[in-house]
């Protein structure tokens, strides 16, 4: 359970987050390029312009 965890600046390139529950996680400047985020609840994730999302990531999944 990564809910509300501070992962700011973390390098999660190619990480498998499929079993994580990162709702409300702090992702400021986090690199998620290539991370497996299919079916992951990223609603309310805090992010900024430096946050790198996986290719094709649907940012509407961030809405609370």
PDB file of N, CA and C in Angstrom:
ATOM      1  N   UNK A   1       0.842  -1.177   0.000  1.00  0.00           N
ATOM      2  CA  UNK A   1       0.000   0.000   0.000  1.00  0.00           C
ATOM      3  C   UNK A   1       0.889   1.242   0.000  1.00  0.00           C
ATOM      4  N   UNK A   2       0.881   1.962  -1.104  1.00  0.00           N
ATOM      5  CA  UNK A   2       1.682   3.184  -1.227  1.00  0.00           C
ATOM      6  C   UNK A   2       0.819   4.440  -1.117  1.00  0.00           C
ATOM      7  N   UNK A   3      -0.392   4.311  -0.601  1.00  0.00           N
ATOM      8  CA  UNK A   3      -1.287   5.453  -0.474  1.00  0.00           C
ATOM      9  C   UNK A   3      -0.619   6.565   0.318  1.00  0.00           C
ATOM     10  N   UNK A   4      -0.620   7.750  -0.278  1.00  0.00           N
ATOM     11  CA  UNK A   4      -0.072   8.963   0.321  1.00  0.00           C
ATOM     12  C   UNK A   4       1.426   8.879   0.615  1.00  0.00           C
ATOM     13  N   UNK A   5       2.127   7.932  -0.003  1.00  0.00           N
ATOM     14  CA  UNK A   5       3.583   7.842   0.162  1.00  0.00           C
ATOM     15  C   UNK A   5       4.247   8.987  -0.592  1.00  0.00           C
ATOM     16  N   UNK A   6       5.398   9.427  -0.126  1.00  0.00           N
ATOM     17  CA  UNK A   6       6.150  10.467  -0.812  1.00  0.00           C
ATOM     18  C   UNK A   6       7.207   9.808  -1.687  1.00  0.00           C
ATOM     19  N   UNK A   7       6.912   9.715  -2.982  1.00  0.00           N
ATOM     20  CA  UNK A   7       7.836   9.133  -3.953  1.00  0.00           C
ATOM     21  C   UNK A   7       8.428  10.218  -4.846  1.00  0.00           C
ATOM     22  N   UNK A   8       8.401  11.445  -4.368  1.00  0.00           N
ATOM     23  CA  UNK A   8       8.911  12.574  -5.147  1.00  0.00           C
ATOM     24  C   UNK A   8      10.365  12.340  -5.522  1.00  0.00           C
ATOM     25  N   UNK A   9      10.655  12.523  -6.819  1.00  0.00           N
ATOM     26  CA  UNK A   9      12.009  12.382  -7.320  1.00  0.00           C
ATOM     27  C   UNK A   9      12.473  10.948  -7.498  1.00  0.00           C
ATOM     28  N   UNK A  10      11.620   9.977  -7.211  1.00  0.00           N
ATOM     29  CA  UNK A  10      12.014   8.567  -7.322  1.00  0.00           C
ATOM     30  C   UNK A  10      12.142   8.154  -8.789  1.00  0.00           C
ATOM     31  N   UNK A  11      13.046   7.226  -9.035  1.00  0.00           N
ATOM     32  CA  UNK A  11      13.203   6.651 -10.374  1.00  0.00           C
ATOM     33  C   UNK A  11      12.463   5.316 -10.374  1.00  0.00           C
ATOM     34  N   UNK A  12      11.265   5.308 -10.924  1.00  0.00           N
ATOM     35  CA  UNK A  12      10.446   4.101 -10.988  1.00  0.00           C
ATOM     36  C   UNK A  12      10.363   3.584 -12.422  1.00  0.00           C
ATOM     37  N   UNK A  13      11.394   3.908 -13.212  1.00  0.00           N
ATOM     38  CA  UNK A  13      11.454   3.450 -14.593  1.00  0.00           C
ATOM     39  C   UNK A  13      11.347   1.938 -14.633  1.00  0.00           C
ATOM     40  N   UNK A  14      10.395   1.452 -15.396  1.00  0.00           N
ATOM     41  CA  UNK A  14      10.130   0.026 -15.601  1.00  0.00           C
ATOM     42  C   UNK A  14       9.636  -0.691 -14.345  1.00  0.00           C
ATOM     43  N   UNK A  15       9.235   0.041 -13.306  1.00  0.00           N
ATOM     44  CA  UNK A  15       8.706  -0.591 -12.090  1.00  0.00           C
ATOM     45  C   UNK A  15       7.357  -1.242 -12.372  1.00  0.00           C
ATOM     46  N   UNK A  16       7.093  -2.337 -11.707  1.00  0.00           N
ATOM     47  CA  UNK A  16       5.800  -3.009 -11.819  1.00  0.00           C
ATOM     48  C   UNK A  16       4.959  -2.566 -10.632  1.00  0.00           C
ATOM     49  N   UNK A  17       4.020  -1.681 -10.891  1.00  0.00           N
ATOM     50  CA  UNK A  17       3.149  -1.153  -9.838  1.00  0.00           C
ATOM     51  C   UNK A  17       1.779  -1.821  -9.855  1.00  0.00           C
ATOM     52  N   UNK A  18       1.670  -2.937 -10.537  1.00  0.00           N
ATOM     53  CA  UNK A  18       0.367  -3.567 -10.736  1.00  0.00           C
ATOM     54  C   UNK A  18      -0.310  -3.989  -9.442  1.00  0.00           C
ATOM     55  N   UNK A  19       0.409  -4.251  -8.382  1.00  0.00           N
ATOM     56  CA  UNK A  19      -0.224  -4.648  -7.124  1.00  0.00           C
ATOM     57  C   UNK A  19      -0.156  -3.531  -6.079  1.00  0.00           C
ATOM     58  N   UNK A  20       0.343  -2.367  -6.483  1.00  0.00           N
ATOM     59  CA  UNK A  20       0.433  -1.233  -5.557  1.00  0.00           C
ATOM     60  C   UNK A  20      -0.911  -0.513  -5.478  1.00  0.00           C
ATOM     61  N   UNK A  21      -1.116   0.207  -4.403  1.00  0.00           N
ATOM     62  CA  UNK A  21      -2.319   1.014  -4.234  1.00  0.00           C
ATOM     63  C   UNK A  21      -1.846   2.439  -3.961  1.00  0.00           C
ATOM     64  N   UNK A  22      -1.388   3.146  -5.004  1.00  0.00           N
ATOM     65  CA  UNK A  22      -0.752   4.446  -4.775  1.00  0.00           C
ATOM     66  C   UNK A  22      -1.676   5.654  -4.780  1.00  0.00           C
ATOM     67  N   UNK A  23      -2.926   5.491  -4.392  1.00  0.00           N
ATOM     68  CA  UNK A  23      -3.862   6.625  -4.400  1.00  0.00           C
ATOM     69  C   UNK A  23      -3.357   7.746  -3.493  1.00  0.00           C
ATOM     70  N   UNK A  24      -3.289   8.963  -4.038  1.00  0.00           N
ATOM     71  CA  UNK A  24      -2.882  10.124  -3.264  1.00  0.00           C
ATOM     72  C   UNK A  24      -1.377  10.229  -3.056  1.00  0.00           C
ATOM     73  N   UNK A  25      -0.608   9.446  -3.775  1.00  0.00           N
ATOM     74  CA  UNK A  25       0.844   9.442  -3.631  1.00  0.00           C
ATOM     75  C   UNK A  25       1.447  10.729  -4.188  1.00  0.00           C
ATOM     76  N   UNK A  26       2.531  11.183  -3.573  1.00  0.00           N
ATOM     77  CA  UNK A  26       3.261  12.354  -4.051  1.00  0.00           C
ATOM     78  C   UNK A  26       4.251  11.891  -5.117  1.00  0.00           C
ATOM     79  N   UNK A  27       4.055  12.374  -6.350  1.00  0.00           N
ATOM     80  CA  UNK A  27       4.880  11.959  -7.477  1.00  0.00           C
ATOM     81  C   UNK A  27       5.590  13.148  -8.127  1.00  0.00           C
ATOM     82  N   UNK A  28       5.896  14.175  -7.353  1.00  0.00           N
ATOM     83  CA  UNK A  28       6.567  15.347  -7.900  1.00  0.00           C
ATOM     84  C   UNK A  28       7.942  14.954  -8.436  1.00  0.00           C
ATOM     85  N   UNK A  29       8.138  15.139  -9.751  1.00  0.00           N
ATOM     86  CA  UNK A  29       9.418  14.839 -10.368  1.00  0.00           C
ATOM     87  C   UNK A  29       9.749  13.365 -10.480  1.00  0.00           C
ATOM     88  N   UNK A  30       8.789  12.504 -10.260  1.00  0.00           N
ATOM     89  CA  UNK A  30       9.018  11.059 -10.317  1.00  0.00           C
ATOM     90  C   UNK A  30       9.077  10.592 -11.774  1.00  0.00           C
ATOM     91  N   UNK A  31       9.983   9.663 -12.058  1.00  0.00           N
ATOM     92  CA  UNK A  31      10.122   9.116 -13.404  1.00  0.00           C
ATOM     93  C   UNK A  31       9.419   7.762 -13.462  1.00  0.00           C
ATOM     94  N   UNK A  32       8.270   7.741 -14.126  1.00  0.00           N
ATOM     95  CA  UNK A  32       7.483   6.521 -14.286  1.00  0.00           C
ATOM     96  C   UNK A  32       7.550   5.998 -15.720  1.00  0.00           C
ATOM     97  N   UNK A  33       8.513   6.515 -16.496  1.00  0.00           N
ATOM     98  CA  UNK A  33       8.655   6.100 -17.893  1.00  0.00           C
ATOM     99  C   UNK A  33       8.821   4.585 -17.968  1.00  0.00           C
ATOM    100  N   UNK A  34       7.928   3.942 -18.669  1.00  0.00           N
ATOM    101  CA  UNK A  34       8.005   2.495 -18.836  1.00  0.00           C
ATOM    102  C   UNK A  34       7.423   1.690 -17.684  1.00  0.00           C
ATOM    103  N   UNK A  35       6.951   2.362 -16.635  1.00  0.00           N
ATOM    104  CA  UNK A  35       6.389   1.637 -15.488  1.00  0.00           C
ATOM    105  C   UNK A  35       5.074   0.963 -15.875  1.00  0.00           C
ATOM    106  N   UNK A  36       4.796  -0.165 -15.282  1.00  0.00           N
ATOM    107  CA  UNK A  36       3.549  -0.891 -15.517  1.00  0.00           C
ATOM    108  C   UNK A  36       2.503  -0.301 -14.572  1.00  0.00           C
ATOM    109  N   UNK A  37       1.553   0.469 -15.141  1.00  0.00           N
ATOM    110  CA  UNK A  37       0.532   1.138 -14.322  1.00  0.00           C
ATOM    111  C   UNK A  37      -0.878   0.729 -14.722  1.00  0.00           C
ATOM    112  N   UNK A  38      -1.004  -0.333 -15.506  1.00  0.00           N
ATOM    113  CA  UNK A  38      -2.322  -0.789 -15.937  1.00  0.00           C
ATOM    114  C   UNK A  38      -3.147  -1.199 -14.715  1.00  0.00           C
ATOM    115  N   UNK A  39      -4.364  -0.678 -14.620  1.00  0.00           N
ATOM    116  CA  UNK A  39      -5.283  -0.978 -13.515  1.00  0.00           C
ATOM    117  C   UNK A  39      -4.786  -0.486 -12.159  1.00  0.00           C
ATOM    118  N   UNK A  40      -3.902   0.490 -12.154  1.00  0.00           N
ATOM    119  CA  UNK A  40      -3.411   1.064 -10.902  1.00  0.00           C
ATOM    120  C   UNK A  40      -4.218   2.325 -10.612  1.00  0.00           C
ATOM    121  N   UNK A  41      -4.678   2.483  -9.377  1.00  0.00           N
ATOM    122  CA  UNK A  41      -5.484   3.627  -8.979  1.00  0.00           C
ATOM    123  C   UNK A  41      -4.565   4.802  -8.647  1.00  0.00           C
ATOM    124  N   UNK A  42      -4.395   5.708  -9.608  1.00  0.00           N
ATOM    125  CA  UNK A  42      -3.547   6.881  -9.394  1.00  0.00           C
ATOM    126  C   UNK A  42      -4.369   8.141  -9.136  1.00  0.00           C
ATOM    127  N   UNK A  43      -5.659   7.948  -8.822  1.00  0.00           N
ATOM    128  CA  UNK A  43      -6.483   9.126  -8.534  1.00  0.00           C
ATOM    129  C   UNK A  43      -5.883   9.917  -7.388  1.00  0.00           C
ATOM    130  N   UNK A  44      -5.944  11.223  -7.528  1.00  0.00           N
ATOM    131  CA  UNK A  44      -5.470  12.169  -6.519  1.00  0.00           C
ATOM    132  C   UNK A  44      -3.949  12.168  -6.353  1.00  0.00           C
ATOM    133  N   UNK A  45      -3.222  11.540  -7.266  1.00  0.00           N
ATOM    134  CA  UNK A  45      -1.763  11.587  -7.182  1.00  0.00           C
ATOM    135  C   UNK A  45      -1.307  13.027  -7.374  1.00  0.00           C
ATOM    136  N   UNK A  46      -0.404  13.474  -6.530  1.00  0.00           N
ATOM    137  CA  UNK A  46       0.131  14.822  -6.645  1.00  0.00           C
ATOM    138  C   UNK A  46       1.331  14.761  -7.576  1.00  0.00           C
ATOM    139  N   UNK A  47       1.347  15.601  -8.614  1.00  0.00           N
ATOM    140  CA  UNK A  47       2.403  15.561  -9.610  1.00  0.00           C
ATOM    141  C   UNK A  47       2.701  16.968 -10.103  1.00  0.00           C
ATOM    142  N   UNK A  48       3.762  17.098 -10.876  1.00  0.00           N
ATOM    143  CA  UNK A  48       4.120  18.385 -11.449  1.00  0.00           C
ATOM    144  C   UNK A  48       4.604  18.183 -12.881  1.00  0.00           C
ATOM    145  N   UNK A  49       5.113  19.236 -13.489  1.00  0.00           N
ATOM    146  CA  UNK A  49       5.564  19.151 -14.882  1.00  0.00           C
ATOM    147  C   UNK A  49       6.768  18.232 -15.056  1.00  0.00           C
ATOM    148  N   UNK A  50       7.529  18.007 -14.009  1.00  0.00           N
ATOM    149  CA  UNK A  50       8.704  17.150 -14.095  1.00  0.00           C
ATOM    150  C   UNK A  50       8.364  15.660 -13.969  1.00  0.00           C
ATOM    151  N   UNK A  51       7.138  15.349 -13.583  1.00  0.00           N
ATOM    152  CA  UNK A  51       6.729  13.948 -13.484  1.00  0.00           C
ATOM    153  C   UNK A  51       6.685  13.356 -14.891  1.00  0.00           C
ATOM    154  N   UNK A  52       7.370  12.236 -15.086  1.00  0.00           N
ATOM    155  CA  UNK A  52       7.394  11.553 -16.387  1.00  0.00           C
ATOM    156  C   UNK A  52       6.466  10.351 -16.318  1.00  0.00           C
ATOM    157  N   UNK A  53       5.466  10.325 -17.213  1.00  0.00           N
ATOM    158  CA  UNK A  53       4.472   9.265 -17.239  1.00  0.00           C
ATOM    159  C   UNK A  53       4.832   8.226 -18.287  1.00  0.00           C
ATOM    160  N   UNK A  54       4.338   7.008 -18.136  1.00  0.00           N
ATOM    161  CA  UNK A  54       4.549   5.996 -19.177  1.00  0.00           C
ATOM    162  C   UNK A  54       3.918   6.452 -20.494  1.00  0.00           C
ATOM    163  N   UNK A  55       4.489   6.036 -21.599  1.00  0.00           N
ATOM    164  CA  UNK A  55       3.959   6.379 -22.910  1.00  0.00           C
ATOM    165  C   UNK A  55       2.499   5.939 -22.998  1.00  0.00           C
ATOM    166  N   UNK A  56       1.647   6.861 -23.464  1.00  0.00           N
ATOM    167  CA  UNK A  56       0.236   6.558 -23.635  1.00  0.00           C
ATOM    168  C   UNK A  56      -0.577   6.611 -22.346  1.00  0.00           C
ATOM    169  N   UNK A  57       0.033   7.039 -21.245  1.00  0.00           N
ATOM    170  CA  UNK A  57      -0.690   7.105 -19.972  1.00  0.00           C
ATOM    171  C   UNK A  57      -1.851   8.088 -20.076  1.00  0.00           C
ATOM    172  N   UNK A  58      -3.016   7.688 -19.632  1.00  0.00           N
ATOM    173  CA  UNK A  58      -4.213   8.510 -19.670  1.00  0.00           C
ATOM    174  C   UNK A  58      -4.263   9.361 -18.400  1.00  0.00           C
ATOM    175  N   UNK A  59      -3.924  10.634 -18.515  1.00  0.00           N
ATOM    176  CA  UNK A  59      -3.866  11.518 -17.342  1.00  0.00           C
ATOM    177  C   UNK A  59      -5.242  11.765 -16.720  1.00  0.00           C
ATOM    178  N   UNK A  60      -6.311  11.394 -17.420  1.00  0.00           N
ATOM    179  CA  UNK A  60      -7.638  11.542 -16.822  1.00  0.00           C
ATOM    180  C   UNK A  60      -7.787  10.567 -15.636  1.00  0.00           C
ATOM    181  N   UNK A  61      -6.906   9.581 -15.557  1.00  0.00           N
ATOM    182  CA  UNK A  61      -6.924   8.643 -14.435  1.00  0.00           C
ATOM    183  C   UNK A  61      -6.441   9.302 -13.134  1.00  0.00           C
ATOM    184  N   UNK A  62      -5.998  10.561 -13.222  1.00  0.00           N
ATOM    185  CA  UNK A  62      -5.508  11.264 -12.053  1.00  0.00           C
ATOM    186  C   UNK A  62      -6.600  12.053 -11.341  1.00  0.00           C
ATOM    187  N   UNK A  63      -7.764  12.161 -11.968  1.00  0.00           N
ATOM    188  CA  UNK A  63      -8.851  12.932 -11.375  1.00  0.00           C
ATOM    189  C   UNK A  63      -9.339  12.308 -10.075  1.00  0.00           C
ATOM    190  N   UNK A  64      -9.641  13.158  -9.116  1.00  0.00           N
ATOM    191  CA  UNK A  64     -10.174  12.673  -7.821  1.00  0.00           C
ATOM    192  C   UNK A  64     -11.662  12.442  -7.929  1.00  0.00           C
TER     193      UNK A  64
END
